[in-house]
Amino acid sequence: MWTNTCCSHPQHTEIELDASNNYIGIRKAAVRRTAFELGIDDLSVDMIHVGSRILYFADADENFAEHELDYILFAKFNPKPFIVNSQEV
């Protein structure tokens, strides 16, 4: 079994903003970013479970900070071999 976390921002699509149907938009973003960041293209929205969401804030330095709403997603499956995107991971 393999579990994954990935980042859905900053380039969301309009359909990924849909929070209905058990956060279908968030799950679609996770599928897209998992393919882009990790090269895994056999993940589907039906495999993803939205566990929670958190409001996150962290100071980076005296000028910059992160302040975002993050989703905690889970997926268990056995992916076929993949190659990560070294520019993202």
PDB file of N, CA and C in Angstrom:
ATOM      1  N   MET A   1       0.834  -1.181   0.000  1.00  0.00           N
ATOM      2  CA  MET A   1       0.000   0.000   0.000  1.00  0.00           C
ATOM      3  C   MET A   1       0.874   1.238   0.000  1.00  0.00           C
ATOM      4  N   TRP A   2       0.330   2.296  -0.583  1.00  0.00           N
ATOM      5  CA  TRP A   2       1.064   3.543  -0.685  1.00  0.00           C
ATOM      6  C   TRP A   2       0.112   4.677  -0.368  1.00  0.00           C
ATOM      7  N   THR A   3       0.560   5.646   0.403  1.00  0.00           N
ATOM      8  CA  THR A   3      -0.249   6.826   0.670  1.00  0.00           C
ATOM      9  C   THR A   3       0.503   8.050   0.189  1.00  0.00           C
ATOM     10  N   ASN A   4      -0.209   9.106  -0.096  1.00  0.00           N
ATOM     11  CA  ASN A   4       0.405  10.270  -0.716  1.00  0.00           C
ATOM     12  C   ASN A   4      -0.153  11.561  -0.141  1.00  0.00           C
ATOM     13  N   THR A   5       0.706  12.560  -0.105  1.00  0.00           N
ATOM     14  CA  THR A   5       0.240  13.928   0.097  1.00  0.00           C
ATOM     15  C   THR A   5       0.814  14.755  -1.039  1.00  0.00           C
ATOM     16  N   CYS A   6       0.083  15.703  -1.515  1.00  0.00           N
ATOM     17  CA  CYS A   6       0.580  16.594  -2.554  1.00  0.00           C
ATOM     18  C   CYS A   6      -0.108  17.937  -2.417  1.00  0.00           C
ATOM     19  N   CYS A   7       0.373  18.873  -3.137  1.00  0.00           N
ATOM     20  CA  CYS A   7      -0.107  20.241  -3.034  1.00  0.00           C
ATOM     21  C   CYS A   7      -0.972  20.572  -4.254  1.00  0.00           C
ATOM     22  N   SER A   8      -2.153  21.155  -4.013  1.00  0.00           N
ATOM     23  CA  SER A   8      -3.068  21.440  -5.123  1.00  0.00           C
ATOM     24  C   SER A   8      -2.918  22.855  -5.668  1.00  0.00           C
ATOM     25  N   HIS A   9      -2.230  23.729  -4.998  1.00  0.00           N
ATOM     26  CA  HIS A   9      -2.124  25.119  -5.436  1.00  0.00           C
ATOM     27  C   HIS A   9      -0.812  25.341  -6.147  1.00  0.00           C
ATOM     28  N   PRO A  10      -0.571  26.420  -6.786  1.00  0.00           N
ATOM     29  CA  PRO A  10      -1.387  27.625  -6.831  1.00  0.00           C
ATOM     30  C   PRO A  10      -2.232  27.727  -8.096  1.00  0.00           C
ATOM     31  N   GLN A  11      -2.234  26.738  -8.947  1.00  0.00           N
ATOM     32  CA  GLN A  11      -2.893  26.885 -10.248  1.00  0.00           C
ATOM     33  C   GLN A  11      -4.154  26.031 -10.328  1.00  0.00           C
ATOM     34  N   HIS A  12      -5.160  26.366  -9.539  1.00  0.00           N
ATOM     35  CA  HIS A  12      -6.398  25.601  -9.561  1.00  0.00           C
ATOM     36  C   HIS A  12      -7.191  25.909 -10.835  1.00  0.00           C
ATOM     37  N   THR A  13      -8.099  25.010 -11.160  1.00  0.00           N
ATOM     38  CA  THR A  13      -9.028  25.236 -12.255  1.00  0.00           C
ATOM     39  C   THR A  13     -10.403  25.547 -11.657  1.00  0.00           C
ATOM     40  N   GLU A  14     -11.293  26.082 -12.443  1.00  0.00           N
ATOM     41  CA  GLU A  14     -12.613  26.481 -11.946  1.00  0.00           C
ATOM     42  C   GLU A  14     -13.360  25.304 -11.313  1.00  0.00           C
ATOM     43  N   ILE A  15     -13.319  24.144 -11.926  1.00  0.00           N
ATOM     44  CA  ILE A  15     -14.056  22.987 -11.410  1.00  0.00           C
ATOM     45  C   ILE A  15     -13.488  22.491 -10.076  1.00  0.00           C
ATOM     46  N   GLU A  16     -12.234  22.806  -9.799  1.00  0.00           N
ATOM     47  CA  GLU A  16     -11.628  22.368  -8.538  1.00  0.00           C
ATOM     48  C   GLU A  16     -12.098  23.185  -7.337  1.00  0.00           C
ATOM     49  N   LEU A  17     -12.893  24.231  -7.569  1.00  0.00           N
ATOM     50  CA  LEU A  17     -13.448  25.034  -6.485  1.00  0.00           C
ATOM     51  C   LEU A  17     -14.763  24.462  -5.955  1.00  0.00           C
ATOM     52  N   ASP A  18     -15.290  23.420  -6.586  1.00  0.00           N
ATOM     53  CA  ASP A  18     -16.562  22.814  -6.203  1.00  0.00           C
ATOM     54  C   ASP A  18     -16.394  21.984  -4.929  1.00  0.00           C
ATOM     55  N   ALA A  19     -17.006  22.438  -3.830  1.00  0.00           N
ATOM     56  CA  ALA A  19     -16.900  21.738  -2.552  1.00  0.00           C
ATOM     57  C   ALA A  19     -18.067  20.776  -2.322  1.00  0.00           C
ATOM     58  N   SER A  20     -18.982  20.672  -3.276  1.00  0.00           N
ATOM     59  CA  SER A  20     -20.109  19.757  -3.113  1.00  0.00           C
ATOM     60  C   SER A  20     -19.657  18.313  -3.365  1.00  0.00           C
ATOM     61  N   ASN A  21     -20.579  17.388  -3.137  1.00  0.00           N
ATOM     62  CA  ASN A  21     -20.325  15.972  -3.429  1.00  0.00           C
ATOM     63  C   ASN A  21     -19.020  15.487  -2.789  1.00  0.00           C
ATOM     64  N   ASN A  22     -18.919  15.674  -1.466  1.00  0.00           N
ATOM     65  CA  ASN A  22     -17.739  15.247  -0.718  1.00  0.00           C
ATOM     66  C   ASN A  22     -16.459  15.875  -1.272  1.00  0.00           C
ATOM     67  N   TYR A  23     -16.522  17.177  -1.504  1.00  0.00           N
ATOM     68  CA  TYR A  23     -15.350  17.950  -1.954  1.00  0.00           C
ATOM     69  C   TYR A  23     -14.788  17.441  -3.285  1.00  0.00           C
ATOM     70  N   ILE A  24     -15.643  17.241  -4.252  1.00  0.00           N
ATOM     71  CA  ILE A  24     -15.216  16.714  -5.551  1.00  0.00           C
ATOM     72  C   ILE A  24     -14.127  17.564  -6.194  1.00  0.00           C
ATOM     73  N   GLY A  25     -14.210  18.882  -6.060  1.00  0.00           N
ATOM     74  CA  GLY A  25     -13.203  19.752  -6.659  1.00  0.00           C
ATOM     75  C   GLY A  25     -11.836  19.561  -6.027  1.00  0.00           C
ATOM     76  N   ILE A  26     -11.801  19.433  -4.717  1.00  0.00           N
ATOM     77  CA  ILE A  26     -10.544  19.208  -4.005  1.00  0.00           C
ATOM     78  C   ILE A  26      -9.930  17.881  -4.431  1.00  0.00           C
ATOM     79  N   ARG A  27     -10.762  16.861  -4.553  1.00  0.00           N
ATOM     80  CA  ARG A  27     -10.259  15.545  -4.969  1.00  0.00           C
ATOM     81  C   ARG A  27      -9.760  15.572  -6.414  1.00  0.00           C
ATOM     82  N   LYS A  28     -10.427  16.334  -7.289  1.00  0.00           N
ATOM     83  CA  LYS A  28      -9.954  16.467  -8.674  1.00  0.00           C
ATOM     84  C   LYS A  28      -8.603  17.181  -8.710  1.00  0.00           C
ATOM     85  N   ALA A  29      -8.435  18.194  -7.865  1.00  0.00           N
ATOM     86  CA  ALA A  29      -7.148  18.895  -7.787  1.00  0.00           C
ATOM     87  C   ALA A  29      -6.049  17.941  -7.319  1.00  0.00           C
ATOM     88  N   ALA A  30      -6.377  17.088  -6.372  1.00  0.00           N
ATOM     89  CA  ALA A  30      -5.387  16.125  -5.874  1.00  0.00           C
ATOM     90  C   ALA A  30      -4.959  15.147  -6.969  1.00  0.00           C
ATOM     91  N   VAL A  31      -5.909  14.711  -7.772  1.00  0.00           N
ATOM     92  CA  VAL A  31      -5.577  13.807  -8.886  1.00  0.00           C
ATOM     93  C   VAL A  31      -4.649  14.521  -9.873  1.00  0.00           C
ATOM     94  N   ARG A  32      -4.993  15.754 -10.211  1.00  0.00           N
ATOM     95  CA  ARG A  32      -4.182  16.523 -11.164  1.00  0.00           C
ATOM     96  C   ARG A  32      -2.773  16.752 -10.631  1.00  0.00           C
ATOM     97  N   ARG A  33      -2.664  17.187  -9.376  1.00  0.00           N
ATOM     98  CA  ARG A  33      -1.344  17.504  -8.819  1.00  0.00           C
ATOM     99  C   ARG A  33      -0.523  16.236  -8.562  1.00  0.00           C
ATOM    100  N   THR A  34      -1.155  15.138  -8.216  1.00  0.00           N
ATOM    101  CA  THR A  34      -0.427  13.890  -8.022  1.00  0.00           C
ATOM    102  C   THR A  34       0.188  13.435  -9.340  1.00  0.00           C
ATOM    103  N   ALA A  35      -0.548  13.585 -10.412  1.00  0.00           N
ATOM    104  CA  ALA A  35       0.004  13.243 -11.732  1.00  0.00           C
ATOM    105  C   ALA A  35       1.159  14.180 -12.083  1.00  0.00           C
ATOM    106  N   PHE A  36       0.986  15.472 -11.852  1.00  0.00           N
ATOM    107  CA  PHE A  36       2.019  16.445 -12.203  1.00  0.00           C
ATOM    108  C   PHE A  36       3.264  16.335 -11.323  1.00  0.00           C
ATOM    109  N   GLU A  37       3.072  16.250 -10.011  1.00  0.00           N
ATOM    110  CA  GLU A  37       4.203  16.244  -9.089  1.00  0.00           C
ATOM    111  C   GLU A  37       4.895  14.893  -8.998  1.00  0.00           C
ATOM    112  N   LEU A  38       4.108  13.832  -9.001  1.00  0.00           N
ATOM    113  CA  LEU A  38       4.672  12.505  -8.754  1.00  0.00           C
ATOM    114  C   LEU A  38       4.642  11.580  -9.955  1.00  0.00           C
ATOM    115  N   GLY A  39       4.009  11.984 -11.041  1.00  0.00           N
ATOM    116  CA  GLY A  39       3.946  11.135 -12.221  1.00  0.00           C
ATOM    117  C   GLY A  39       3.020   9.946 -12.054  1.00  0.00           C
ATOM    118  N   ILE A  40       2.110  10.030 -11.106  1.00  0.00           N
ATOM    119  CA  ILE A  40       1.159   8.937 -10.860  1.00  0.00           C
ATOM    120  C   ILE A  40      -0.141   9.280 -11.573  1.00  0.00           C
ATOM    121  N   ASP A  41      -0.463   8.503 -12.598  1.00  0.00           N
ATOM    122  CA  ASP A  41      -1.650   8.813 -13.391  1.00  0.00           C
ATOM    123  C   ASP A  41      -2.762   7.786 -13.236  1.00  0.00           C
ATOM    124  N   ASP A  42      -2.629   6.861 -12.277  1.00  0.00           N
ATOM    125  CA  ASP A  42      -3.682   5.871 -12.091  1.00  0.00           C
ATOM    126  C   ASP A  42      -4.475   6.092 -10.794  1.00  0.00           C
ATOM    127  N   LEU A  43      -4.427   7.308 -10.272  1.00  0.00           N
ATOM    128  CA  LEU A  43      -5.237   7.702  -9.120  1.00  0.00           C
ATOM    129  C   LEU A  43      -6.532   8.317  -9.641  1.00  0.00           C
ATOM    130  N   SER A  44      -7.656   7.996  -9.024  1.00  0.00           N
ATOM    131  CA  SER A  44      -8.940   8.583  -9.428  1.00  0.00           C
ATOM    132  C   SER A  44      -9.596   9.256  -8.228  1.00  0.00           C
ATOM    133  N   VAL A  45     -10.544  10.140  -8.496  1.00  0.00           N
ATOM    134  CA  VAL A  45     -11.228  10.859  -7.418  1.00  0.00           C
ATOM    135  C   VAL A  45     -11.953   9.909  -6.474  1.00  0.00           C
ATOM    136  N   ASP A  46     -12.414   8.776  -6.981  1.00  0.00           N
ATOM    137  CA  ASP A  46     -13.132   7.815  -6.150  1.00  0.00           C
ATOM    138  C   ASP A  46     -12.229   7.141  -5.119  1.00  0.00           C
ATOM    139  N   MET A  47     -10.925   7.173  -5.325  1.00  0.00           N
ATOM    140  CA  MET A  47      -9.972   6.566  -4.390  1.00  0.00           C
ATOM    141  C   MET A  47      -9.620   7.497  -3.233  1.00  0.00           C
ATOM    142  N   ILE A  48      -9.978   8.766  -3.345  1.00  0.00           N
ATOM    143  CA  ILE A  48      -9.532   9.768  -2.383  1.00  0.00           C
ATOM    144  C   ILE A  48     -10.599  10.019  -1.324  1.00  0.00           C
ATOM    145  N   HIS A  49     -10.158  10.046  -0.083  1.00  0.00           N
ATOM    146  CA  HIS A  49     -11.016  10.361   1.058  1.00  0.00           C
ATOM    147  C   HIS A  49     -10.555  11.686   1.662  1.00  0.00           C
ATOM    148  N   VAL A  50     -11.490  12.601   1.861  1.00  0.00           N
ATOM    149  CA  VAL A  50     -11.179  13.871   2.517  1.00  0.00           C
ATOM    150  C   VAL A  50     -11.310  13.650   4.020  1.00  0.00           C
ATOM    151  N   GLY A  51     -10.174  13.694   4.706  1.00  0.00           N
ATOM    152  CA  GLY A  51     -10.174  13.437   6.143  1.00  0.00           C
ATOM    153  C   GLY A  51     -10.533  14.655   6.959  1.00  0.00           C
ATOM    154  N   SER A  52     -10.019  15.795   6.575  1.00  0.00           N
ATOM    155  CA  SER A  52     -10.246  17.021   7.341  1.00  0.00           C
ATOM    156  C   SER A  52      -9.765  18.209   6.528  1.00  0.00           C
ATOM    157  N   ARG A  53      -9.931  19.378   7.098  1.00  0.00           N
ATOM    158  CA  ARG A  53      -9.336  20.575   6.533  1.00  0.00           C
ATOM    159  C   ARG A  53      -8.852  21.431   7.696  1.00  0.00           C
ATOM    160  N   ILE A  54      -7.788  22.170   7.454  1.00  0.00           N
ATOM    161  CA  ILE A  54      -7.188  22.974   8.506  1.00  0.00           C
ATOM    162  C   ILE A  54      -6.863  24.360   7.974  1.00  0.00           C
ATOM    163  N   LEU A  55      -6.951  25.352   8.832  1.00  0.00           N
ATOM    164  CA  LEU A  55      -6.501  26.695   8.510  1.00  0.00           C
ATOM    165  C   LEU A  55      -5.078  26.805   9.033  1.00  0.00           C
ATOM    166  N   TYR A  56      -4.165  27.069   8.123  1.00  0.00           N
ATOM    167  CA  TYR A  56      -2.737  27.027   8.403  1.00  0.00           C
ATOM    168  C   TYR A  56      -2.141  28.420   8.297  1.00  0.00           C
ATOM    169  N   PHE A  57      -1.309  28.784   9.263  1.00  0.00           N
ATOM    170  CA  PHE A  57      -0.581  30.040   9.213  1.00  0.00           C
ATOM    171  C   PHE A  57       0.830  29.809   9.740  1.00  0.00           C
ATOM    172  N   ALA A  58       1.819  30.311   9.008  1.00  0.00           N
ATOM    173  CA  ALA A  58       3.210  30.223   9.458  1.00  0.00           C
ATOM    174  C   ALA A  58       3.983  31.411   8.922  1.00  0.00           C
ATOM    175  N   ASP A  59       4.739  32.057   9.808  1.00  0.00           N
ATOM    176  CA  ASP A  59       5.638  33.128   9.387  1.00  0.00           C
ATOM    177  C   ASP A  59       6.851  32.513   8.706  1.00  0.00           C
ATOM    178  N   ALA A  60       7.176  32.993   7.517  1.00  0.00           N
ATOM    179  CA  ALA A  60       8.379  32.535   6.822  1.00  0.00           C
ATOM    180  C   ALA A  60       9.590  33.345   7.276  1.00  0.00           C
ATOM    181  N   ASP A  61       9.403  34.635   7.393  1.00  0.00           N
ATOM    182  CA  ASP A  61      10.418  35.550   7.911  1.00  0.00           C
ATOM    183  C   ASP A  61       9.708  36.841   8.294  1.00  0.00           C
ATOM    184  N   GLU A  62      10.430  37.917   8.479  1.00  0.00           N
ATOM    185  CA  GLU A  62       9.784  39.158   8.911  1.00  0.00           C
ATOM    186  C   GLU A  62       8.918  39.796   7.825  1.00  0.00           C
ATOM    187  N   ASN A  63       9.046  39.364   6.566  1.00  0.00           N
ATOM    188  CA  ASN A  63       8.277  39.940   5.462  1.00  0.00           C
ATOM    189  C   ASN A  63       7.195  39.041   4.888  1.00  0.00           C
ATOM    190  N   PHE A  64       7.352  37.742   4.998  1.00  0.00           N
ATOM    191  CA  PHE A  64       6.453  36.810   4.317  1.00  0.00           C
ATOM    192  C   PHE A  64       5.866  35.787   5.281  1.00  0.00           C
ATOM    193  N   ALA A  65       4.666  35.323   4.931  1.00  0.00           N
ATOM    194  CA  ALA A  65       3.995  34.291   5.712  1.00  0.00           C
ATOM    195  C   ALA A  65       3.102  33.464   4.792  1.00  0.00           C
ATOM    196  N   GLU A  66       2.754  32.282   5.238  1.00  0.00           N
ATOM    197  CA  GLU A  66       1.752  31.461   4.563  1.00  0.00           C
ATOM    198  C   GLU A  66       0.477  31.514   5.387  1.00  0.00           C
ATOM    199  N   HIS A  67      -0.650  31.651   4.725  1.00  0.00           N
ATOM    200  CA  HIS A  67      -1.951  31.630   5.388  1.00  0.00           C
ATOM    201  C   HIS A  67      -2.912  30.984   4.418  1.00  0.00           C
ATOM    202  N   GLU A  68      -3.278  29.733   4.670  1.00  0.00           N
ATOM    203  CA  GLU A  68      -4.059  29.001   3.685  1.00  0.00           C
ATOM    204  C   GLU A  68      -4.980  27.988   4.336  1.00  0.00           C
ATOM    205  N   LEU A  69      -5.997  27.600   3.602  1.00  0.00           N
ATOM    206  CA  LEU A  69      -6.894  26.528   3.993  1.00  0.00           C
ATOM    207  C   LEU A  69      -6.409  25.271   3.296  1.00  0.00           C
ATOM    208  N   ASP A  70      -6.019  24.267   4.071  1.00  0.00           N
ATOM    209  CA  ASP A  70      -5.475  23.023   3.522  1.00  0.00           C
ATOM    210  C   ASP A  70      -6.422  21.867   3.812  1.00  0.00           C
ATOM    211  N   TYR A  71      -6.454  20.922   2.890  1.00  0.00           N
ATOM    212  CA  TYR A  71      -7.260  19.719   3.038  1.00  0.00           C
ATOM    213  C   TYR A  71      -6.340  18.537   3.290  1.00  0.00           C
ATOM    214  N   ILE A  72      -6.751  17.674   4.193  1.00  0.00           N
ATOM    215  CA  ILE A  72      -6.019  16.448   4.494  1.00  0.00           C
ATOM    216  C   ILE A  72      -6.716  15.325   3.726  1.00  0.00           C
ATOM    217  N   LEU A  73      -6.010  14.765   2.748  1.00  0.00           N
ATOM    218  CA  LEU A  73      -6.580  13.750   1.859  1.00  0.00           C
ATOM    219  C   LEU A  73      -5.838  12.433   2.027  1.00  0.00           C
ATOM    220  N   PHE A  74      -6.574  11.343   1.860  1.00  0.00           N
ATOM    221  CA  PHE A  74      -5.997  10.009   1.954  1.00  0.00           C
ATOM    222  C   PHE A  74      -6.377   9.196   0.728  1.00  0.00           C
ATOM    223  N   ALA A  75      -5.444   8.386   0.270  1.00  0.00           N
ATOM    224  CA  ALA A  75      -5.714   7.423  -0.800  1.00  0.00           C
ATOM    225  C   ALA A  75      -4.811   6.225  -0.578  1.00  0.00           C
ATOM    226  N   LYS A  76      -5.383   5.038  -0.639  1.00  0.00           N
ATOM    227  CA  LYS A  76      -4.596   3.810  -0.529  1.00  0.00           C
ATOM    228  C   LYS A  76      -4.769   3.031  -1.816  1.00  0.00           C
ATOM    229  N   PHE A  77      -3.667   2.764  -2.476  1.00  0.00           N
ATOM    230  CA  PHE A  77      -3.702   1.962  -3.688  1.00  0.00           C
ATOM    231  C   PHE A  77      -2.282   1.563  -4.047  1.00  0.00           C
ATOM    232  N   ASN A  78      -2.146   0.686  -4.982  1.00  0.00           N
ATOM    233  CA  ASN A  78      -0.843   0.235  -5.460  1.00  0.00           C
ATOM    234  C   ASN A  78      -0.611   0.825  -6.839  1.00  0.00           C
ATOM    235  N   PRO A  79       0.097   1.953  -6.913  1.00  0.00           N
ATOM    236  CA  PRO A  79       0.299   2.592  -8.217  1.00  0.00           C
ATOM    237  C   PRO A  79       1.268   1.807  -9.085  1.00  0.00           C
ATOM    238  N   LYS A  80       1.106   1.956 -10.381  1.00  0.00           N
ATOM    239  CA  LYS A  80       2.101   1.397 -11.292  1.00  0.00           C
ATOM    240  C   LYS A  80       3.378   2.224 -11.150  1.00  0.00           C
ATOM    241  N   PRO A  81       4.505   1.759 -11.648  1.00  0.00           N
ATOM    242  CA  PRO A  81       5.769   2.509 -11.506  1.00  0.00           C
ATOM    243  C   PRO A  81       5.625   3.948 -12.003  1.00  0.00           C
ATOM    244  N   PHE A  82       6.289   4.880 -11.307  1.00  0.00           N
ATOM    245  CA  PHE A  82       6.171   6.294 -11.647  1.00  0.00           C
ATOM    246  C   PHE A  82       7.518   6.986 -11.448  1.00  0.00           C
ATOM    247  N   ILE A  83       7.645   8.140 -12.062  1.00  0.00           N
ATOM    248  CA  ILE A  83       8.844   8.966 -11.942  1.00  0.00           C
ATOM    249  C   ILE A  83       8.409  10.343 -11.470  1.00  0.00           C
ATOM    250  N   VAL A  84       8.962  10.802 -10.343  1.00  0.00           N
ATOM    251  CA  VAL A  84       8.564  12.088  -9.794  1.00  0.00           C
ATOM    252  C   VAL A  84       9.100  13.238 -10.632  1.00  0.00           C
ATOM    253  N   ASN A  85       8.404  14.356 -10.571  1.00  0.00           N
ATOM    254  CA  ASN A  85       8.824  15.585 -11.243  1.00  0.00           C
ATOM    255  C   ASN A  85       9.840  16.266 -10.327  1.00  0.00           C
ATOM    256  N   SER A  86      11.092  16.223 -10.680  1.00  0.00           N
ATOM    257  CA  SER A  86      12.159  16.754  -9.828  1.00  0.00           C
ATOM    258  C   SER A  86      12.052  18.271  -9.622  1.00  0.00           C
ATOM    259  N   GLN A  87      11.296  18.963 -10.465  1.00  0.00           N
ATOM    260  CA  GLN A  87      11.094  20.393 -10.283  1.00  0.00           C
ATOM    261  C   GLN A  87      10.043  20.693  -9.207  1.00  0.00           C
ATOM    262  N   GLU A  88       9.305  19.681  -8.800  1.00  0.00           N
ATOM    263  CA  GLU A  88       8.231  19.849  -7.816  1.00  0.00           C
ATOM    264  C   GLU A  88       8.501  19.159  -6.492  1.00  0.00           C
ATOM    265  N   VAL A  89       9.174  18.055  -6.522  1.00  0.00           N
ATOM    266  CA  VAL A  89       9.347  17.241  -5.303  1.00  0.00           C
ATOM    267  C   VAL A  89      10.709  17.502  -4.703  1.00  0.00           C
TER     268      VAL A  89
END
